[in-house]
Amino acid sequence: MNICPICGYTRLQMSPYDEHGYPSYEICDCCGFEYGFDDDSEGYSFENYREKWINEGFKFSNDKMQPETWNRQTMIKQLENVNKVKYNLR
C-alpha cells in the first residue's frame, strides 16, 4: 500500500519515495502534494503542507477521484495512516 505522508491517502499509484529517497513526482489526488516538487522546490515540510491543507478545509484535490463518502470525519480517520509510514528522503 502506498500512503501519502501528508494526508494518509492510501490510493497512490506509486510509493512517494523509493528506497533511495528519490521522489515519484506523483501528485496525491487527495491533498495535491507533488512528491519531489512541493517538498524540494517549494520548501514545504510534510507538517507545513499538512497544516496548510487542513486549515484550508481538507479540500480534495482531484474532484474526479473524490469518494462520495468524503467528509471531515473520514479525513480525520485517514490522517491516522500518516503514522504508518516513514520515507527516506535524499
PDB file of N, CA and C in Angstrom:
ATOM      1  N   MET A   1       0.845  -1.169   0.000  1.00  0.00           N
ATOM      2  CA  MET A   1       0.000   0.000   0.000  1.00  0.00           C
ATOM      3  C   MET A   1       0.893   1.236   0.000  1.00  0.00           C
ATOM      4  N   ASN A   2       0.597   2.185  -0.877  1.00  0.00           N
ATOM      5  CA  ASN A   2       1.344   3.431  -0.967  1.00  0.00           C
ATOM      6  C   ASN A   2       0.556   4.536  -0.272  1.00  0.00           C
ATOM      7  N   ILE A   3       1.131   5.065   0.783  1.00  0.00           N
ATOM      8  CA  ILE A   3       0.440   6.029   1.643  1.00  0.00           C
ATOM      9  C   ILE A   3       1.070   7.411   1.513  1.00  0.00           C
ATOM     10  N   CYS A   4       0.222   8.420   1.364  1.00  0.00           N
ATOM     11  CA  CYS A   4       0.695   9.803   1.306  1.00  0.00           C
ATOM     12  C   CYS A   4       1.178  10.236   2.693  1.00  0.00           C
ATOM     13  N   PRO A   5       2.406  10.753   2.783  1.00  0.00           N
ATOM     14  CA  PRO A   5       2.921  11.199   4.075  1.00  0.00           C
ATOM     15  C   PRO A   5       2.302  12.512   4.555  1.00  0.00           C
ATOM     16  N   ILE A   6       1.512  13.143   3.725  1.00  0.00           N
ATOM     17  CA  ILE A   6       0.853  14.397   4.092  1.00  0.00           C
ATOM     18  C   ILE A   6      -0.518  14.128   4.689  1.00  0.00           C
ATOM     19  N   CYS A   7      -1.366  13.393   3.945  1.00  0.00           N
ATOM     20  CA  CYS A   7      -2.771  13.257   4.331  1.00  0.00           C
ATOM     21  C   CYS A   7      -3.197  11.829   4.667  1.00  0.00           C
ATOM     22  N   GLY A   8      -2.317  10.856   4.439  1.00  0.00           N
ATOM     23  CA  GLY A   8      -2.659   9.474   4.755  1.00  0.00           C
ATOM     24  C   GLY A   8      -3.465   8.759   3.689  1.00  0.00           C
ATOM     25  N   TYR A   9      -3.638   9.381   2.533  1.00  0.00           N
ATOM     26  CA  TYR A   9      -4.376   8.760   1.421  1.00  0.00           C
ATOM     27  C   TYR A   9      -3.688   7.461   1.023  1.00  0.00           C
ATOM     28  N   THR A  10      -4.461   6.409   0.823  1.00  0.00           N
ATOM     29  CA  THR A  10      -3.879   5.080   0.576  1.00  0.00           C
ATOM     30  C   THR A  10      -4.019   4.598  -0.866  1.00  0.00           C
ATOM     31  N   ARG A  11      -4.392   5.465  -1.769  1.00  0.00           N
ATOM     32  CA  ARG A  11      -4.618   5.022  -3.153  1.00  0.00           C
ATOM     33  C   ARG A  11      -3.613   5.592  -4.146  1.00  0.00           C
ATOM     34  N   LEU A  12      -2.407   5.854  -3.686  1.00  0.00           N
ATOM     35  CA  LEU A  12      -1.361   6.326  -4.594  1.00  0.00           C
ATOM     36  C   LEU A  12      -0.954   5.199  -5.528  1.00  0.00           C
ATOM     37  N   GLN A  13      -0.597   5.543  -6.753  1.00  0.00           N
ATOM     38  CA  GLN A  13      -0.162   4.539  -7.728  1.00  0.00           C
ATOM     39  C   GLN A  13       1.241   4.020  -7.417  1.00  0.00           C
ATOM     40  N   MET A  14       2.091   4.909  -6.899  1.00  0.00           N
ATOM     41  CA  MET A  14       3.480   4.562  -6.604  1.00  0.00           C
ATOM     42  C   MET A  14       3.822   5.003  -5.182  1.00  0.00           C
ATOM     43  N   SER A  15       4.906   4.482  -4.674  1.00  0.00           N
ATOM     44  CA  SER A  15       5.407   4.980  -3.396  1.00  0.00           C
ATOM     45  C   SER A  15       5.894   6.410  -3.620  1.00  0.00           C
ATOM     46  N   PRO A  16       5.598   7.336  -2.718  1.00  0.00           N
ATOM     47  CA  PRO A  16       6.042   8.715  -2.903  1.00  0.00           C
ATOM     48  C   PRO A  16       7.559   8.852  -3.069  1.00  0.00           C
ATOM     49  N   TYR A  17       8.316   7.995  -2.400  1.00  0.00           N
ATOM     50  CA  TYR A  17       9.773   7.999  -2.478  1.00  0.00           C
ATOM     51  C   TYR A  17      10.252   6.559  -2.541  1.00  0.00           C
ATOM     52  N   ASP A  18      11.268   6.304  -3.368  1.00  0.00           N
ATOM     53  CA  ASP A  18      11.788   4.938  -3.448  1.00  0.00           C
ATOM     54  C   ASP A  18      12.763   4.674  -2.300  1.00  0.00           C
ATOM     55  N   GLU A  19      13.357   3.499  -2.294  1.00  0.00           N
ATOM     56  CA  GLU A  19      14.239   3.106  -1.188  1.00  0.00           C
ATOM     57  C   GLU A  19      15.497   3.970  -1.096  1.00  0.00           C
ATOM     58  N   HIS A  20      15.803   4.727  -2.168  1.00  0.00           N
ATOM     59  CA  HIS A  20      16.967   5.604  -2.170  1.00  0.00           C
ATOM     60  C   HIS A  20      16.593   7.058  -1.880  1.00  0.00           C
ATOM     61  N   GLY A  21      15.301   7.307  -1.649  1.00  0.00           N
ATOM     62  CA  GLY A  21      14.841   8.653  -1.343  1.00  0.00           C
ATOM     63  C   GLY A  21      14.467   9.493  -2.546  1.00  0.00           C
ATOM     64  N   TYR A  22      14.455   8.885  -3.729  1.00  0.00           N
ATOM     65  CA  TYR A  22      14.081   9.623  -4.926  1.00  0.00           C
ATOM     66  C   TYR A  22      12.552   9.720  -5.034  1.00  0.00           C
ATOM     67  N   PRO A  23      12.045  10.908  -5.355  1.00  0.00           N
ATOM     68  CA  PRO A  23      10.597  11.104  -5.399  1.00  0.00           C
ATOM     69  C   PRO A  23       9.962  10.532  -6.661  1.00  0.00           C
ATOM     70  N   SER A  24       8.682  10.222  -6.551  1.00  0.00           N
ATOM     71  CA  SER A  24       7.935   9.686  -7.695  1.00  0.00           C
ATOM     72  C   SER A  24       7.386  10.792  -8.597  1.00  0.00           C
ATOM     73  N   TYR A  25       7.261  12.004  -8.091  1.00  0.00           N
ATOM     74  CA  TYR A  25       6.639  13.143  -8.772  1.00  0.00           C
ATOM     75  C   TYR A  25       5.151  12.922  -9.019  1.00  0.00           C
ATOM     76  N   GLU A  26       4.584  11.927  -8.374  1.00  0.00           N
ATOM     77  CA  GLU A  26       3.141  11.720  -8.427  1.00  0.00           C
ATOM     78  C   GLU A  26       2.475  12.825  -7.601  1.00  0.00           C
ATOM     79  N   ILE A  27       1.285  13.203  -7.992  1.00  0.00           N
ATOM     80  CA  ILE A  27       0.502  14.184  -7.249  1.00  0.00           C
ATOM     81  C   ILE A  27      -0.604  13.435  -6.521  1.00  0.00           C
ATOM     82  N   CYS A  28      -0.696  13.630  -5.222  1.00  0.00           N
ATOM     83  CA  CYS A  28      -1.725  12.973  -4.430  1.00  0.00           C
ATOM     84  C   CYS A  28      -3.095  13.508  -4.831  1.00  0.00           C
ATOM     85  N   ASP A  29      -3.998  12.608  -5.201  1.00  0.00           N
ATOM     86  CA  ASP A  29      -5.357  13.005  -5.576  1.00  0.00           C
ATOM     87  C   ASP A  29      -6.081  13.681  -4.429  1.00  0.00           C
ATOM     88  N   CYS A  30      -5.707  13.347  -3.221  1.00  0.00           N
ATOM     89  CA  CYS A  30      -6.404  13.864  -2.052  1.00  0.00           C
ATOM     90  C   CYS A  30      -5.924  15.266  -1.659  1.00  0.00           C
ATOM     91  N   CYS A  31      -4.661  15.409  -1.293  1.00  0.00           N
ATOM     92  CA  CYS A  31      -4.171  16.696  -0.782  1.00  0.00           C
ATOM     93  C   CYS A  31      -3.477  17.550  -1.840  1.00  0.00           C
ATOM     94  N   GLY A  32      -3.117  16.972  -2.991  1.00  0.00           N
ATOM     95  CA  GLY A  32      -2.483  17.728  -4.068  1.00  0.00           C
ATOM     96  C   GLY A  32      -0.985  17.889  -3.949  1.00  0.00           C
ATOM     97  N   PHE A  33      -0.365  17.248  -2.962  1.00  0.00           N
ATOM     98  CA  PHE A  33       1.087  17.345  -2.781  1.00  0.00           C
ATOM     99  C   PHE A  33       1.793  16.574  -3.888  1.00  0.00           C
ATOM    100  N   GLU A  34       2.809  17.186  -4.497  1.00  0.00           N
ATOM    101  CA  GLU A  34       3.607  16.502  -5.524  1.00  0.00           C
ATOM    102  C   GLU A  34       4.962  16.153  -4.926  1.00  0.00           C
ATOM    103  N   TYR A  35       5.229  14.877  -4.784  1.00  0.00           N
ATOM    104  CA  TYR A  35       6.463  14.386  -4.181  1.00  0.00           C
ATOM    105  C   TYR A  35       7.633  14.703  -5.095  1.00  0.00           C
ATOM    106  N   GLY A  36       8.589  15.468  -4.579  1.00  0.00           N
ATOM    107  CA  GLY A  36       9.746  15.874  -5.353  1.00  0.00           C
ATOM    108  C   GLY A  36       9.631  17.290  -5.877  1.00  0.00           C
ATOM    109  N   PHE A  37       8.426  17.843  -5.863  1.00  0.00           N
ATOM    110  CA  PHE A  37       8.265  19.234  -6.279  1.00  0.00           C
ATOM    111  C   PHE A  37       7.926  20.103  -5.082  1.00  0.00           C
ATOM    112  N   ASP A  38       6.788  19.867  -4.475  1.00  0.00           N
ATOM    113  CA  ASP A  38       6.372  20.704  -3.346  1.00  0.00           C
ATOM    114  C   ASP A  38       7.360  20.640  -2.195  1.00  0.00           C
ATOM    115  N   ASP A  39       7.949  19.487  -1.971  1.00  0.00           N
ATOM    116  CA  ASP A  39       8.873  19.350  -0.854  1.00  0.00           C
ATOM    117  C   ASP A  39      10.214  20.029  -1.123  1.00  0.00           C
ATOM    118  N   ASP A  40      10.780  19.825  -2.295  1.00  0.00           N
ATOM    119  CA  ASP A  40      12.094  20.379  -2.594  1.00  0.00           C
ATOM    120  C   ASP A  40      12.040  21.830  -3.057  1.00  0.00           C
ATOM    121  N   SER A  41      11.395  22.074  -4.172  1.00  0.00           N
ATOM    122  CA  SER A  41      11.458  23.403  -4.776  1.00  0.00           C
ATOM    123  C   SER A  41      10.619  24.446  -4.046  1.00  0.00           C
ATOM    124  N   GLU A  42       9.566  24.031  -3.418  1.00  0.00           N
ATOM    125  CA  GLU A  42       8.700  24.980  -2.724  1.00  0.00           C
ATOM    126  C   GLU A  42       9.046  25.109  -1.239  1.00  0.00           C
ATOM    127  N   GLY A  43       9.887  24.218  -0.734  1.00  0.00           N
ATOM    128  CA  GLY A  43      10.365  24.327   0.631  1.00  0.00           C
ATOM    129  C   GLY A  43       9.361  23.955   1.709  1.00  0.00           C
ATOM    130  N   TYR A  44       8.348  23.165   1.365  1.00  0.00           N
ATOM    131  CA  TYR A  44       7.370  22.733   2.365  1.00  0.00           C
ATOM    132  C   TYR A  44       7.867  21.489   3.082  1.00  0.00           C
ATOM    133  N   SER A  45       7.702  21.459   4.375  1.00  0.00           N
ATOM    134  CA  SER A  45       7.877  20.200   5.094  1.00  0.00           C
ATOM    135  C   SER A  45       6.532  19.491   5.025  1.00  0.00           C
ATOM    136  N   PHE A  46       6.525  18.201   5.295  1.00  0.00           N
ATOM    137  CA  PHE A  46       5.263  17.472   5.314  1.00  0.00           C
ATOM    138  C   PHE A  46       4.299  18.121   6.307  1.00  0.00           C
ATOM    139  N   GLU A  47       4.817  18.478   7.458  1.00  0.00           N
ATOM    140  CA  GLU A  47       3.982  19.057   8.512  1.00  0.00           C
ATOM    141  C   GLU A  47       3.400  20.404   8.096  1.00  0.00           C
ATOM    142  N   ASN A  48       4.227  21.248   7.442  1.00  0.00           N
ATOM    143  CA  ASN A  48       3.747  22.553   6.981  1.00  0.00           C
ATOM    144  C   ASN A  48       2.637  22.410   5.950  1.00  0.00           C
ATOM    145  N   TYR A  49       2.859  21.520   4.986  1.00  0.00           N
ATOM    146  CA  TYR A  49       1.865  21.338   3.924  1.00  0.00           C
ATOM    147  C   TYR A  49       0.576  20.752   4.502  1.00  0.00           C
ATOM    148  N   ARG A  50       0.721  19.788   5.403  1.00  0.00           N
ATOM    149  CA  ARG A  50      -0.455  19.177   6.035  1.00  0.00           C
ATOM    150  C   ARG A  50      -1.260  20.236   6.787  1.00  0.00           C
ATOM    151  N   GLU A  51      -0.587  21.063   7.553  1.00  0.00           N
ATOM    152  CA  GLU A  51      -1.264  22.112   8.323  1.00  0.00           C
ATOM    153  C   GLU A  51      -2.001  23.080   7.395  1.00  0.00           C
ATOM    154  N   LYS A  52      -1.352  23.479   6.315  1.00  0.00           N
ATOM    155  CA  LYS A  52      -1.975  24.372   5.336  1.00  0.00           C
ATOM    156  C   LYS A  52      -3.220  23.722   4.736  1.00  0.00           C
ATOM    157  N   TRP A  53      -3.106  22.469   4.352  1.00  0.00           N
ATOM    158  CA  TRP A  53      -4.212  21.733   3.738  1.00  0.00           C
ATOM    159  C   TRP A  53      -5.380  21.589   4.717  1.00  0.00           C
ATOM    160  N   ILE A  54      -5.086  21.266   5.956  1.00  0.00           N
ATOM    161  CA  ILE A  54      -6.135  21.148   6.978  1.00  0.00           C
ATOM    162  C   ILE A  54      -6.806  22.497   7.203  1.00  0.00           C
ATOM    163  N   ASN A  55      -6.003  23.554   7.330  1.00  0.00           N
ATOM    164  CA  ASN A  55      -6.547  24.892   7.563  1.00  0.00           C
ATOM    165  C   ASN A  55      -7.418  25.379   6.412  1.00  0.00           C
ATOM    166  N   GLU A  56      -7.176  24.841   5.216  1.00  0.00           N
ATOM    167  CA  GLU A  56      -7.995  25.199   4.053  1.00  0.00           C
ATOM    168  C   GLU A  56      -9.216  24.298   3.913  1.00  0.00           C
ATOM    169  N   GLY A  57      -9.460  23.455   4.908  1.00  0.00           N
ATOM    170  CA  GLY A  57     -10.692  22.677   4.949  1.00  0.00           C
ATOM    171  C   GLY A  57     -10.633  21.289   4.342  1.00  0.00           C
ATOM    172  N   PHE A  58      -9.469  20.665   4.295  1.00  0.00           N
ATOM    173  CA  PHE A  58      -9.329  19.293   3.776  1.00  0.00           C
ATOM    174  C   PHE A  58      -9.825  19.163   2.333  1.00  0.00           C
ATOM    175  N   LYS A  59      -9.655  20.194   1.515  1.00  0.00           N
ATOM    176  CA  LYS A  59     -10.164  20.156   0.145  1.00  0.00           C
ATOM    177  C   LYS A  59      -9.549  18.990  -0.617  1.00  0.00           C
ATOM    178  N   PHE A  60     -10.399  18.175  -1.227  1.00  0.00           N
ATOM    179  CA  PHE A  60      -9.931  17.052  -2.034  1.00  0.00           C
ATOM    180  C   PHE A  60      -9.422  17.624  -3.353  1.00  0.00           C
ATOM    181  N   SER A  61      -8.194  17.335  -3.687  1.00  0.00           N
ATOM    182  CA  SER A  61      -7.522  17.964  -4.814  1.00  0.00           C
ATOM    183  C   SER A  61      -8.090  17.562  -6.178  1.00  0.00           C
ATOM    184  N   ASN A  62      -8.391  16.295  -6.374  1.00  0.00           N
ATOM    185  CA  ASN A  62      -8.872  15.792  -7.659  1.00  0.00           C
ATOM    186  C   ASN A  62     -10.358  15.457  -7.545  1.00  0.00           C
ATOM    187  N   ASP A  63     -11.196  16.376  -7.998  1.00  0.00           N
ATOM    188  CA  ASP A  63     -12.653  16.196  -7.885  1.00  0.00           C
ATOM    189  C   ASP A  63     -13.142  14.879  -8.485  1.00  0.00           C
ATOM    190  N   LYS A  64     -12.508  14.421  -9.556  1.00  0.00           N
ATOM    191  CA  LYS A  64     -12.935  13.181 -10.225  1.00  0.00           C
ATOM    192  C   LYS A  64     -12.680  11.944  -9.382  1.00  0.00           C
ATOM    193  N   MET A  65     -11.732  12.039  -8.457  1.00  0.00           N
ATOM    194  CA  MET A  65     -11.371  10.891  -7.627  1.00  0.00           C
ATOM    195  C   MET A  65     -11.970  10.968  -6.221  1.00  0.00           C
ATOM    196  N   GLN A  66     -12.652  12.048  -5.897  1.00  0.00           N
ATOM    197  CA  GLN A  66     -13.183  12.223  -4.547  1.00  0.00           C
ATOM    198  C   GLN A  66     -14.281  11.207  -4.261  1.00  0.00           C
ATOM    199  N   PRO A  67     -14.114  10.425  -3.179  1.00  0.00           N
ATOM    200  CA  PRO A  67     -15.149   9.454  -2.803  1.00  0.00           C
ATOM    201  C   PRO A  67     -16.450  10.158  -2.406  1.00  0.00           C
ATOM    202  N   GLU A  68     -17.559   9.503  -2.659  1.00  0.00           N
ATOM    203  CA  GLU A  68     -18.858  10.069  -2.293  1.00  0.00           C
ATOM    204  C   GLU A  68     -18.985  10.243  -0.787  1.00  0.00           C
ATOM    205  N   THR A  69     -18.290   9.412  -0.042  1.00  0.00           N
ATOM    206  CA  THR A  69     -18.384   9.444   1.417  1.00  0.00           C
ATOM    207  C   THR A  69     -17.403  10.425   2.050  1.00  0.00           C
ATOM    208  N   TRP A  70     -16.778  11.297   1.263  1.00  0.00           N
ATOM    209  CA  TRP A  70     -15.765  12.219   1.763  1.00  0.00           C
ATOM    210  C   TRP A  70     -16.382  13.240   2.707  1.00  0.00           C
ATOM    211  N   ASN A  71     -15.842  13.317   3.913  1.00  0.00           N
ATOM    212  CA  ASN A  71     -16.274  14.320   4.884  1.00  0.00           C
ATOM    213  C   ASN A  71     -15.163  14.517   5.912  1.00  0.00           C
ATOM    214  N   ARG A  72     -15.362  15.429   6.811  1.00  0.00           N
ATOM    215  CA  ARG A  72     -14.344  15.760   7.821  1.00  0.00           C
ATOM    216  C   ARG A  72     -13.977  14.550   8.676  1.00  0.00           C
ATOM    217  N   GLN A  73     -14.951  13.760   9.080  1.00  0.00           N
ATOM    218  CA  GLN A  73     -14.692  12.576   9.914  1.00  0.00           C
ATOM    219  C   GLN A  73     -13.842  11.558   9.156  1.00  0.00           C
ATOM    220  N   THR A  74     -14.143  11.362   7.884  1.00  0.00           N
ATOM    221  CA  THR A  74     -13.356  10.450   7.050  1.00  0.00           C
ATOM    222  C   THR A  74     -11.909  10.926   6.987  1.00  0.00           C
ATOM    223  N   MET A  75     -11.735  12.239   6.834  1.00  0.00           N
ATOM    224  CA  MET A  75     -10.392  12.799   6.728  1.00  0.00           C
ATOM    225  C   MET A  75      -9.616  12.633   8.021  1.00  0.00           C
ATOM    226  N   ILE A  76     -10.243  12.883   9.130  1.00  0.00           N
ATOM    227  CA  ILE A  76      -9.566  12.739  10.423  1.00  0.00           C
ATOM    228  C   ILE A  76      -9.109  11.297  10.617  1.00  0.00           C
ATOM    229  N   LYS A  77      -9.941  10.345  10.248  1.00  0.00           N
ATOM    230  CA  LYS A  77      -9.581   8.921  10.343  1.00  0.00           C
ATOM    231  C   LYS A  77      -8.425   8.602   9.387  1.00  0.00           C
ATOM    232  N   GLN A  78      -8.481   9.139   8.171  1.00  0.00           N
ATOM    233  CA  GLN A  78      -7.437   8.883   7.177  1.00  0.00           C
ATOM    234  C   GLN A  78      -6.086   9.410   7.643  1.00  0.00           C
ATOM    235  N   LEU A  79      -6.059  10.520   8.355  1.00  0.00           N
ATOM    236  CA  LEU A  79      -4.801  11.095   8.834  1.00  0.00           C
ATOM    237  C   LEU A  79      -4.028  10.132   9.730  1.00  0.00           C
ATOM    238  N   GLU A  80      -4.707   9.172  10.335  1.00  0.00           N
ATOM    239  CA  GLU A  80      -4.025   8.177  11.172  1.00  0.00           C
ATOM    240  C   GLU A  80      -3.021   7.361  10.361  1.00  0.00           C
ATOM    241  N   ASN A  81      -3.234   7.249   9.044  1.00  0.00           N
ATOM    242  CA  ASN A  81      -2.324   6.490   8.183  1.00  0.00           C
ATOM    243  C   ASN A  81      -0.946   7.125   8.083  1.00  0.00           C
ATOM    244  N   VAL A  82      -0.855   8.416   8.325  1.00  0.00           N
ATOM    245  CA  VAL A  82       0.424   9.123   8.233  1.00  0.00           C
ATOM    246  C   VAL A  82       1.454   8.490   9.170  1.00  0.00           C
ATOM    247  N   ASN A  83       1.020   8.042  10.314  1.00  0.00           N
ATOM    248  CA  ASN A  83       1.928   7.444  11.294  1.00  0.00           C
ATOM    249  C   ASN A  83       2.377   6.040  10.926  1.00  0.00           C
ATOM    250  N   LYS A  84       1.823   5.469   9.871  1.00  0.00           N
ATOM    251  CA  LYS A  84       2.158   4.099   9.476  1.00  0.00           C
ATOM    252  C   LYS A  84       3.362   4.022   8.556  1.00  0.00           C
ATOM    253  N   VAL A  85       3.832   5.172   8.058  1.00  0.00           N
ATOM    254  CA  VAL A  85       4.930   5.142   7.100  1.00  0.00           C
ATOM    255  C   VAL A  85       6.027   6.139   7.459  1.00  0.00           C
ATOM    256  N   LYS A  86       7.234   5.785   7.089  1.00  0.00           N
ATOM    257  CA  LYS A  86       8.382   6.684   7.182  1.00  0.00           C
ATOM    258  C   LYS A  86       9.117   6.557   5.854  1.00  0.00           C
ATOM    259  N   TYR A  87       9.337   7.683   5.209  1.00  0.00           N
ATOM    260  CA  TYR A  87      10.047   7.661   3.932  1.00  0.00           C
ATOM    261  C   TYR A  87      11.441   8.231   4.102  1.00  0.00           C
ATOM    262  N   ASN A  88      12.411   7.572   3.505  1.00  0.00           N
ATOM    263  CA  ASN A  88      13.775   8.079   3.488  1.00  0.00           C
ATOM    264  C   ASN A  88      13.884   9.082   2.369  1.00  0.00           C
ATOM    265  N   LEU A  89      14.317  10.282   2.700  1.00  0.00           N
ATOM    266  CA  LEU A  89      14.471  11.311   1.692  1.00  0.00           C
ATOM    267  C   LEU A  89      15.944  11.558   1.434  1.00  0.00           C
ATOM    268  N   ARG A  90      16.257  11.896   0.207  1.00  0.00           N
ATOM    269  CA  ARG A  90      17.651  12.186  -0.140  1.00  0.00           C
ATOM    270  C   ARG A  90      18.148  13.388   0.603  1.00  0.00           C
TER     271      ARG A  90
END
